[in-house]
PDB file of N, CA and C in Angstrom:
ATOM      1  N   UNK A   1     -22.614   4.566  10.704  1.00  0.00           N
ATOM      2  CA  UNK A   1     -23.808   5.317  11.022  1.00  0.00           C
ATOM      3  C   UNK A   1     -24.433   4.730  12.281  1.00  0.00           C
ATOM      4  N   UNK A   2     -24.621   5.532  13.271  1.00  0.00           N
ATOM      5  CA  UNK A   2     -25.185   5.086  14.540  1.00  0.00           C
ATOM      6  C   UNK A   2     -26.710   5.080  14.470  1.00  0.00           C
ATOM      7  N   UNK A   3     -27.298   4.171  15.229  1.00  0.00           N
ATOM      8  CA  UNK A   3     -28.750   4.118  15.326  1.00  0.00           C
ATOM      9  C   UNK A   3     -29.245   5.166  16.305  1.00  0.00           C
ATOM     10  N   UNK A   4     -30.423   5.651  16.050  1.00  0.00           N
ATOM     11  CA  UNK A   4     -31.084   6.559  16.965  1.00  0.00           C
ATOM     12  C   UNK A   4     -31.353   5.800  18.274  1.00  0.00           C
ATOM     13  N   UNK A   5     -31.174   6.442  19.437  1.00  0.00           N
ATOM     14  CA  UNK A   5     -31.408   5.749  20.717  1.00  0.00           C
ATOM     15  C   UNK A   5     -32.804   5.136  20.840  1.00  0.00           C
ATOM     16  N   UNK A   6     -33.792   5.753  20.244  1.00  0.00           N
ATOM     17  CA  UNK A   6     -35.152   5.192  20.282  1.00  0.00           C
ATOM     18  C   UNK A   6     -35.195   3.866  19.530  1.00  0.00           C
ATOM     19  N   UNK A   7     -34.507   3.800  18.389  1.00  0.00           N
ATOM     20  CA  UNK A   7     -34.461   2.561  17.617  1.00  0.00           C
ATOM     21  C   UNK A   7     -33.680   1.473  18.349  1.00  0.00           C
ATOM     22  N   UNK A   8     -32.617   1.846  19.027  1.00  0.00           N
ATOM     23  CA  UNK A   8     -31.817   0.878  19.782  1.00  0.00           C
ATOM     24  C   UNK A   8     -32.670   0.206  20.851  1.00  0.00           C
ATOM     25  N   UNK A   9     -33.551   0.946  21.483  1.00  0.00           N
ATOM     26  CA  UNK A   9     -34.427   0.390  22.521  1.00  0.00           C
ATOM     27  C   UNK A   9     -35.414  -0.623  21.943  1.00  0.00           C
ATOM     28  N   UNK A  10     -35.725  -0.538  20.668  1.00  0.00           N
ATOM     29  CA  UNK A  10     -36.693  -1.446  20.038  1.00  0.00           C
ATOM     30  C   UNK A  10     -36.060  -2.768  19.596  1.00  0.00           C
ATOM     31  N   UNK A  11     -34.731  -2.869  19.640  1.00  0.00           N
ATOM     32  CA  UNK A  11     -34.027  -4.064  19.196  1.00  0.00           C
ATOM     33  C   UNK A  11     -33.922  -5.048  20.355  1.00  0.00           C
ATOM     34  N   UNK A  12     -34.369  -6.277  20.119  1.00  0.00           N
ATOM     35  CA  UNK A  12     -34.248  -7.331  21.126  1.00  0.00           C
ATOM     36  C   UNK A  12     -32.981  -8.129  20.865  1.00  0.00           C
ATOM     37  N   UNK A  13     -32.146  -8.241  21.868  1.00  0.00           N
ATOM     38  CA  UNK A  13     -30.943  -9.070  21.789  1.00  0.00           C
ATOM     39  C   UNK A  13     -31.167 -10.255  22.713  1.00  0.00           C
ATOM     40  N   UNK A  14     -30.969 -11.447  22.186  1.00  0.00           N
ATOM     41  CA  UNK A  14     -31.191 -12.654  22.969  1.00  0.00           C
ATOM     42  C   UNK A  14     -29.944 -13.524  22.865  1.00  0.00           C
ATOM     43  N   UNK A  15     -29.435 -13.951  24.014  1.00  0.00           N
ATOM     44  CA  UNK A  15     -28.282 -14.849  24.042  1.00  0.00           C
ATOM     45  C   UNK A  15     -28.710 -16.117  24.765  1.00  0.00           C
ATOM     46  N   UNK A  16     -28.644 -17.232  24.069  1.00  0.00           N
ATOM     47  CA  UNK A  16     -29.049 -18.519  24.619  1.00  0.00           C
ATOM     48  C   UNK A  16     -28.021 -19.573  24.253  1.00  0.00           C
ATOM     49  N   UNK A  17     -27.933 -20.615  25.052  1.00  0.00           N
ATOM     50  CA  UNK A  17     -27.064 -21.745  24.752  1.00  0.00           C
ATOM     51  C   UNK A  17     -27.919 -22.843  24.128  1.00  0.00           C
ATOM     52  N   UNK A  18     -27.454 -23.391  23.001  1.00  0.00           N
ATOM     53  CA  UNK A  18     -28.183 -24.470  22.351  1.00  0.00           C
ATOM     54  C   UNK A  18     -28.035 -24.396  20.847  1.00  0.00           C
ATOM     55  N   UNK A  19     -28.857 -25.137  20.147  1.00  0.00           N
ATOM     56  CA  UNK A  19     -28.823 -25.192  18.690  1.00  0.00           C
ATOM     57  C   UNK A  19     -29.607 -24.013  18.108  1.00  0.00           C
ATOM     58  N   UNK A  20     -28.962 -23.184  17.277  1.00  0.00           N
ATOM     59  CA  UNK A  20     -29.627 -21.998  16.741  1.00  0.00           C
ATOM     60  C   UNK A  20     -30.929 -22.306  15.999  1.00  0.00           C
ATOM     61  N   UNK A  21     -30.937 -23.395  15.251  1.00  0.00           N
ATOM     62  CA  UNK A  21     -32.150 -23.727  14.484  1.00  0.00           C
ATOM     63  C   UNK A  21     -33.347 -23.945  15.402  1.00  0.00           C
ATOM     64  N   UNK A  22     -33.140 -24.644  16.507  1.00  0.00           N
ATOM     65  CA  UNK A  22     -34.228 -24.933  17.450  1.00  0.00           C
ATOM     66  C   UNK A  22     -34.602 -23.669  18.225  1.00  0.00           C
ATOM     67  N   UNK A  23     -33.594 -22.995  18.770  1.00  0.00           N
ATOM     68  CA  UNK A  23     -33.857 -21.817  19.604  1.00  0.00           C
ATOM     69  C   UNK A  23     -34.526 -20.692  18.826  1.00  0.00           C
ATOM     70  N   UNK A  24     -33.991 -20.377  17.645  1.00  0.00           N
ATOM     71  CA  UNK A  24     -34.563 -19.278  16.867  1.00  0.00           C
ATOM     72  C   UNK A  24     -35.959 -19.605  16.356  1.00  0.00           C
ATOM     73  N   UNK A  25     -36.165 -20.832  15.931  1.00  0.00           N
ATOM     74  CA  UNK A  25     -37.491 -21.222  15.448  1.00  0.00           C
ATOM     75  C   UNK A  25     -38.529 -21.074  16.561  1.00  0.00           C
ATOM     76  N   UNK A  26     -38.204 -21.525  17.768  1.00  0.00           N
ATOM     77  CA  UNK A  26     -39.118 -21.381  18.907  1.00  0.00           C
ATOM     78  C   UNK A  26     -39.349 -19.914  19.254  1.00  0.00           C
ATOM     79  N   UNK A  27     -38.281 -19.134  19.284  1.00  0.00           N
ATOM     80  CA  UNK A  27     -38.394 -17.719  19.640  1.00  0.00           C
ATOM     81  C   UNK A  27     -39.256 -16.963  18.632  1.00  0.00           C
ATOM     82  N   UNK A  28     -38.992 -17.198  17.345  1.00  0.00           N
ATOM     83  CA  UNK A  28     -39.764 -16.534  16.288  1.00  0.00           C
ATOM     84  C   UNK A  28     -41.243 -16.891  16.394  1.00  0.00           C
ATOM     85  N   UNK A  29     -41.536 -18.154  16.665  1.00  0.00           N
ATOM     86  CA  UNK A  29     -42.934 -18.606  16.775  1.00  0.00           C
ATOM     87  C   UNK A  29     -43.637 -17.983  17.975  1.00  0.00           C
ATOM     88  N   UNK A  30     -42.983 -17.972  19.123  1.00  0.00           N
ATOM     89  CA  UNK A  30     -43.632 -17.502  20.348  1.00  0.00           C
ATOM     90  C   UNK A  30     -43.713 -15.980  20.457  1.00  0.00           C
ATOM     91  N   UNK A  31     -42.768 -15.284  19.879  1.00  0.00           N
ATOM     92  CA  UNK A  31     -42.729 -13.820  20.004  1.00  0.00           C
ATOM     93  C   UNK A  31     -43.268 -13.093  18.775  1.00  0.00           C
ATOM     94  N   UNK A  32     -43.719 -13.852  17.775  1.00  0.00           N
ATOM     95  CA  UNK A  32     -44.254 -13.268  16.535  1.00  0.00           C
ATOM     96  C   UNK A  32     -43.266 -12.272  15.928  1.00  0.00           C
ATOM     97  N   UNK A  33     -42.048 -12.730  15.709  1.00  0.00           N
ATOM     98  CA  UNK A  33     -40.964 -11.913  15.165  1.00  0.00           C
ATOM     99  C   UNK A  33     -41.184 -11.675  13.672  1.00  0.00           C
ATOM    100  N   UNK A  34     -40.915 -10.453  13.217  1.00  0.00           N
ATOM    101  CA  UNK A  34     -41.068 -10.097  11.805  1.00  0.00           C
ATOM    102  C   UNK A  34     -39.782 -10.290  11.006  1.00  0.00           C
ATOM    103  N   UNK A  35     -38.620 -10.073  11.645  1.00  0.00           N
ATOM    104  CA  UNK A  35     -37.354 -10.102  10.919  1.00  0.00           C
ATOM    105  C   UNK A  35     -36.243 -10.641  11.812  1.00  0.00           C
ATOM    106  N   UNK A  36     -35.457 -11.559  11.262  1.00  0.00           N
ATOM    107  CA  UNK A  36     -34.248 -12.056  11.917  1.00  0.00           C
ATOM    108  C   UNK A  36     -33.073 -11.661  11.042  1.00  0.00           C
ATOM    109  N   UNK A  37     -32.038 -11.068  11.648  1.00  0.00           N
ATOM    110  CA  UNK A  37     -30.828 -10.706  10.923  1.00  0.00           C
ATOM    111  C   UNK A  37     -29.709 -11.617  11.412  1.00  0.00           C
ATOM    112  N   UNK A  38     -29.078 -12.320  10.462  1.00  0.00           N
ATOM    113  CA  UNK A  38     -28.015 -13.274  10.787  1.00  0.00           C
ATOM    114  C   UNK A  38     -26.694 -12.797  10.220  1.00  0.00           C
ATOM    115  N   UNK A  39     -25.626 -13.028  10.942  1.00  0.00           N
ATOM    116  CA  UNK A  39     -24.287 -12.782  10.427  1.00  0.00           C
ATOM    117  C   UNK A  39     -23.679 -14.107  10.004  1.00  0.00           C
ATOM    118  N   UNK A  40     -22.875 -14.090   8.944  1.00  0.00           N
ATOM    119  CA  UNK A  40     -22.247 -15.317   8.472  1.00  0.00           C
ATOM    120  C   UNK A  40     -20.821 -15.032   8.024  1.00  0.00           C
ATOM    121  N   UNK A  41     -19.991 -16.064   8.091  1.00  0.00           N
ATOM    122  CA  UNK A  41     -18.612 -15.950   7.612  1.00  0.00           C
ATOM    123  C   UNK A  41     -18.516 -16.176   6.121  1.00  0.00           C
ATOM    124  N   UNK A  42     -19.570 -16.636   5.487  1.00  0.00           N
ATOM    125  CA  UNK A  42     -19.588 -16.821   4.042  1.00  0.00           C
ATOM    126  C   UNK A  42     -18.701 -17.949   3.558  1.00  0.00           C
ATOM    127  N   UNK A  43     -18.608 -19.028   4.325  1.00  0.00           N
ATOM    128  CA  UNK A  43     -17.820 -20.177   3.886  1.00  0.00           C
ATOM    129  C   UNK A  43     -18.452 -20.799   2.660  1.00  0.00           C
ATOM    130  N   UNK A  44     -17.612 -21.390   1.843  1.00  0.00           N
ATOM    131  CA  UNK A  44     -18.134 -22.066   0.656  1.00  0.00           C
ATOM    132  C   UNK A  44     -17.300 -23.309   0.391  1.00  0.00           C
ATOM    133  N   UNK A  45     -17.753 -24.103  -0.555  1.00  0.00           N
ATOM    134  CA  UNK A  45     -17.002 -25.267  -0.977  1.00  0.00           C
ATOM    135  C   UNK A  45     -16.853 -26.310   0.103  1.00  0.00           C
ATOM    136  N   UNK A  46     -15.625 -26.809   0.272  1.00  0.00           N
ATOM    137  CA  UNK A  46     -15.345 -27.923   1.177  1.00  0.00           C
ATOM    138  C   UNK A  46     -15.750 -27.624   2.619  1.00  0.00           C
ATOM    139  N   UNK A  47     -15.383 -26.443   3.141  1.00  0.00           N
ATOM    140  CA  UNK A  47     -15.717 -26.117   4.528  1.00  0.00           C
ATOM    141  C   UNK A  47     -17.220 -26.080   4.751  1.00  0.00           C
ATOM    142  N   UNK A  48     -17.944 -25.513   3.794  1.00  0.00           N
ATOM    143  CA  UNK A  48     -19.402 -25.441   3.941  1.00  0.00           C
ATOM    144  C   UNK A  48     -19.992 -26.841   3.993  1.00  0.00           C
ATOM    145  N   UNK A  49     -19.511 -27.726   3.131  1.00  0.00           N
ATOM    146  CA  UNK A  49     -20.026 -29.097   3.110  1.00  0.00           C
ATOM    147  C   UNK A  49     -19.661 -29.858   4.376  1.00  0.00           C
ATOM    148  N   UNK A  50     -18.488 -29.600   4.929  1.00  0.00           N
ATOM    149  CA  UNK A  50     -18.054 -30.303   6.126  1.00  0.00           C
ATOM    150  C   UNK A  50     -18.733 -29.768   7.385  1.00  0.00           C
ATOM    151  N   UNK A  51     -18.873 -28.456   7.490  1.00  0.00           N
ATOM    152  CA  UNK A  51     -19.389 -27.845   8.710  1.00  0.00           C
ATOM    153  C   UNK A  51     -20.883 -27.564   8.649  1.00  0.00           C
ATOM    154  N   UNK A  52     -21.446 -27.547   7.463  1.00  0.00           N
ATOM    155  CA  UNK A  52     -22.842 -27.174   7.313  1.00  0.00           C
ATOM    156  C   UNK A  52     -22.992 -25.672   7.367  1.00  0.00           C
ATOM    157  N   UNK A  53     -24.146 -25.184   7.063  1.00  0.00           N
ATOM    158  CA  UNK A  53     -24.370 -23.749   7.083  1.00  0.00           C
ATOM    159  C   UNK A  53     -25.599 -23.448   7.930  1.00  0.00           C
ATOM    160  N   UNK A  54     -25.355 -22.969   9.130  1.00  0.00           N
ATOM    161  CA  UNK A  54     -26.456 -22.621  10.026  1.00  0.00           C
ATOM    162  C   UNK A  54     -27.341 -21.557   9.400  1.00  0.00           C
ATOM    163  N   UNK A  55     -26.721 -20.553   8.785  1.00  0.00           N
ATOM    164  CA  UNK A  55     -27.503 -19.489   8.159  1.00  0.00           C
ATOM    165  C   UNK A  55     -28.394 -20.041   7.053  1.00  0.00           C
ATOM    166  N   UNK A  56     -27.852 -20.931   6.238  1.00  0.00           N
ATOM    167  CA  UNK A  56     -28.651 -21.513   5.160  1.00  0.00           C
ATOM    168  C   UNK A  56     -29.808 -22.331   5.719  1.00  0.00           C
ATOM    169  N   UNK A  57     -29.552 -23.107   6.760  1.00  0.00           N
ATOM    170  CA  UNK A  57     -30.622 -23.883   7.398  1.00  0.00           C
ATOM    171  C   UNK A  57     -31.709 -22.965   7.942  1.00  0.00           C
ATOM    172  N   UNK A  58     -31.304 -21.875   8.577  1.00  0.00           N
ATOM    173  CA  UNK A  58     -32.279 -20.948   9.150  1.00  0.00           C
ATOM    174  C   UNK A  58     -33.103 -20.254   8.078  1.00  0.00           C
ATOM    175  N   UNK A  59     -32.492 -19.964   6.935  1.00  0.00           N
ATOM    176  CA  UNK A  59     -33.237 -19.346   5.830  1.00  0.00           C
ATOM    177  C   UNK A  59     -34.417 -20.209   5.407  1.00  0.00           C
ATOM    178  N   UNK A  60     -34.220 -21.513   5.424  1.00  0.00           N
ATOM    179  CA  UNK A  60     -35.282 -22.436   5.008  1.00  0.00           C
ATOM    180  C   UNK A  60     -36.259 -22.754   6.142  1.00  0.00           C
ATOM    181  N   UNK A  61     -35.804 -22.624   7.369  1.00  0.00           N
ATOM    182  CA  UNK A  61     -36.597 -23.048   8.520  1.00  0.00           C
ATOM    183  C   UNK A  61     -37.503 -21.958   9.083  1.00  0.00           C
ATOM    184  N   UNK A  62     -36.989 -20.752   9.201  1.00  0.00           N
ATOM    185  CA  UNK A  62     -37.738 -19.680   9.872  1.00  0.00           C
ATOM    186  C   UNK A  62     -38.927 -19.218   9.040  1.00  0.00           C
ATOM    187  N   UNK A  63     -40.014 -18.919   9.729  1.00  0.00           N
ATOM    188  CA  UNK A  63     -41.243 -18.505   9.056  1.00  0.00           C
ATOM    189  C   UNK A  63     -41.368 -16.986   8.947  1.00  0.00           C
ATOM    190  N   UNK A  64     -40.317 -16.259   9.304  1.00  0.00           N
ATOM    191  CA  UNK A  64     -40.344 -14.805   9.186  1.00  0.00           C
ATOM    192  C   UNK A  64     -39.312 -14.383   8.142  1.00  0.00           C
ATOM    193  N   UNK A  65     -39.305 -13.099   7.816  1.00  0.00           N
ATOM    194  CA  UNK A  65     -38.276 -12.580   6.922  1.00  0.00           C
ATOM    195  C   UNK A  65     -36.914 -12.753   7.590  1.00  0.00           C
ATOM    196  N   UNK A  66     -35.923 -13.116   6.788  1.00  0.00           N
ATOM    197  CA  UNK A  66     -34.580 -13.360   7.314  1.00  0.00           C
ATOM    198  C   UNK A  66     -33.564 -12.682   6.404  1.00  0.00           C
ATOM    199  N   UNK A  67     -32.668 -11.900   7.011  1.00  0.00           N
ATOM    200  CA  UNK A  67     -31.620 -11.227   6.254  1.00  0.00           C
ATOM    201  C   UNK A  67     -30.274 -11.774   6.713  1.00  0.00           C
ATOM    202  N   UNK A  68     -29.440 -12.195   5.752  1.00  0.00           N
ATOM    203  CA  UNK A  68     -28.115 -12.712   6.052  1.00  0.00           C
ATOM    204  C   UNK A  68     -27.089 -11.677   5.632  1.00  0.00           C
ATOM    205  N   UNK A  69     -26.189 -11.320   6.557  1.00  0.00           N
ATOM    206  CA  UNK A  69     -25.146 -10.336   6.307  1.00  0.00           C
ATOM    207  C   UNK A  69     -23.809 -11.048   6.367  1.00  0.00           C
ATOM    208  N   UNK A  70     -23.062 -11.016   5.249  1.00  0.00           N
ATOM    209  CA  UNK A  70     -21.745 -11.659   5.189  1.00  0.00           C
ATOM    210  C   UNK A  70     -20.684 -10.749   5.780  1.00  0.00           C
ATOM    211  N   UNK A  71     -19.674 -11.381   6.381  1.00  0.00           N
ATOM    212  CA  UNK A  71     -18.533 -10.600   6.859  1.00  0.00           C
ATOM    213  C   UNK A  71     -17.700 -10.174   5.665  1.00  0.00           C
ATOM    214  N   UNK A  72     -16.891  -9.140   5.850  1.00  0.00           N
ATOM    215  CA  UNK A  72     -16.094  -8.638   4.726  1.00  0.00           C
ATOM    216  C   UNK A  72     -14.755  -9.294   4.690  1.00  0.00           C
TER     217      UNK A  72
END
């Protein structure tokens, strides 16, 4: 299902180099963001413990609503 062109114009896409936890937290604070949507690979078990989970960290860190979408 495609988004309406008017809705597409309302979506902010930001690409930055750095640590997601720091960058997103600053962006959300300064821009008064209502919702962050994150994509995740849905790792679990050993890999999750070894690599950490950026999405999980962001869920606890961000002060706005956060939606995590797993890959299929």
